[in-house]
Amino acid sequence: MKRSAILWAGLLATVLAVLAGGLPNAVAMAAEQPSGSGSAAASDAADGTHGGSEGDSDTGAASRTTDADGADDAPAGDPSAGKELYWPLPWSGHATLIYDEAIDQLRTKGASSRVWRSRASVEIRSQPRAEGGHALSWITGDVEIAFISGIDEDEQTLVRTLAEAVQGLPASVRVDAEGGFVAIENLSELGAHVRRIVGAMFDKSLKDALARIDDPDQRAAAEARAHDQQPGILSSLASDEILGQQLAGKITPLLFPAGGGLIPDTRYEWQEAGTNMLGGDPLPLSTAFELQRDGGANGMIRALHTRNLDAEAAEPILRASMRAHAIRAGVPEPSIEEITRSIAGIRAEYRAEYLIDTATGIVHRLEVTKTSGAQGVEEIENAVLVLREAIAVAQAGEQEK
C-alpha cells in the first residue's frame, strides 16, 4: 500500500473512532412534549444544557415516540404515566463511587484479528464547588492487561506504557449544577506526564534499535530520522487533544443521564453534528435515547443511548475534508481513488446501556459498545462498569475522623 494511502487510512480511522466514542451530548431530547407540560427539562434538553457535555453539537428537530401500540407502557393505573421521571445527582449524597471496569477490544481485517482486554478499578471522588456544580477526581487503578492475539511485542509495550502512565493519576473533572460534563481541568498536566513517560519509552527503544546498526553513517541517519519523527508520533499518541478525547470518552457516558427528566418508555430521536477531526464541516449523526422501566428491580430504570453516523450524508463531507486537510498540512492531495478506497464501508456506532437507581441517581451498571470501521477493517470496543461500592457523604466524613 502506498504511504499516502496508509496516512489517509490512519486519519480516517481517527475520525471514525472519535465519532463512535466521542463526547455524547444530551441535546434536543424533549421536543414535542405533551401539550401544556411546561417542562423545564424540555427546554434544557432542547438547548443542550441538561446532563450532557459541551462540544461541537447541533440539532435538528427532535421527535418523541412511544411503544408500538401508541401508549406509554406504564403499569395500569400508574399516576406517573406520561410524566417526566427525575432522580437526584449521585454526588448529592455520595462522596465516592467505586466501579469495576472491564474493557475488551477487537480489530478485524479479513481473516486476521487483534484482541486484547483490560481490567481495572475506577474510583470517582466528589467535592462540591463553591461556585456551583461538583469537582470529580477520576482515578483508574489496579490495571491488568491481557493480549489475546495479533499484537506484537512493540505494540504490547506501547499499550502497557500508556496504561501505566495514567494509572493512579487523577483526572480533575468539572461538572455543572445539572451534572453535565464541563471540562477536564488538569488536561495539560496529564498530557505532559503521559508524553514524558511515552517519550522515555521511545528513547529506550531507539537506543536498542541503534545498537543493532553496525554502520556509523546508517546509525547516525536512523537516529536523525527518529528524532525528527518523534514529536509527531508523541503528538498523535498523547497530545492534549487526543488524550482529552480518550478521557472524555470514558467519563461522559457515566454522566450523560444525570438527573433524568424524560418520560419512561418513550424514545427520543434527534440529529447531532459530530466532530470532524479533519477540520471540515460537522458529520451527521442519528441519535436516540429512551428510558425503560425495569420490572424486576424496585426503583431501577434502564436507559439506552445510541448514536450512528449517517454514512451516505457523511461521504461528500469527508471527500472535501480530506482534500482541505491535505492543503493545510502541506502534503500531496489524495487522489479520487485514494479517497474512494479510504471511505469505503465507513461506519461509526455508539451504544450505551444503563441500569440506574432512581432513589440515588447512581448508575449501577453501564455497558458501552463502540464500533468503527472502513476499508474492510472493523474495530469494536466493549466497556462495562459495575458498581462495587458507594460511600455516602456522612460515611466518608466518619472515615476521615
Foldseek 3Di string as FASTA:
>chain_A
DDPVLVVLLVLVQVQQQCQQQFFDFQAQQAPPQPPPPPFPVNVCSPVRNALGEDDAKDWDHKDKAFDPVRAHPDPPPDPCGSFFAWFAFLVVWFFKFKWKKKKWKWKDFPPDIWIKIKIWMWMWGWDADPVAFIKIWIAIAPIDMDTDDDADPVRVVLVVQLVVQRHGPTFTWTAGNNLYTYFRPCLVVSLVSSLVSVVVVLVVVLVVVLVVDDDPVVSVVVVVVCVVCSVVVSCVVRNSVVVRRVVSSVPSVQRRCRTTGHRANMKMKIWIFDDRPLPWGTFIKIKMKHKYCDVVDPQKIKMKIKIKTPLVRCLVRQLVSQQVSCVVVVHDRDDPVSSCLSSAPWIWMKMKMFIARRHNRGTQKIWIWIWTDGNRMIMIMIMMIGTDDTHTPVNVVVVVD
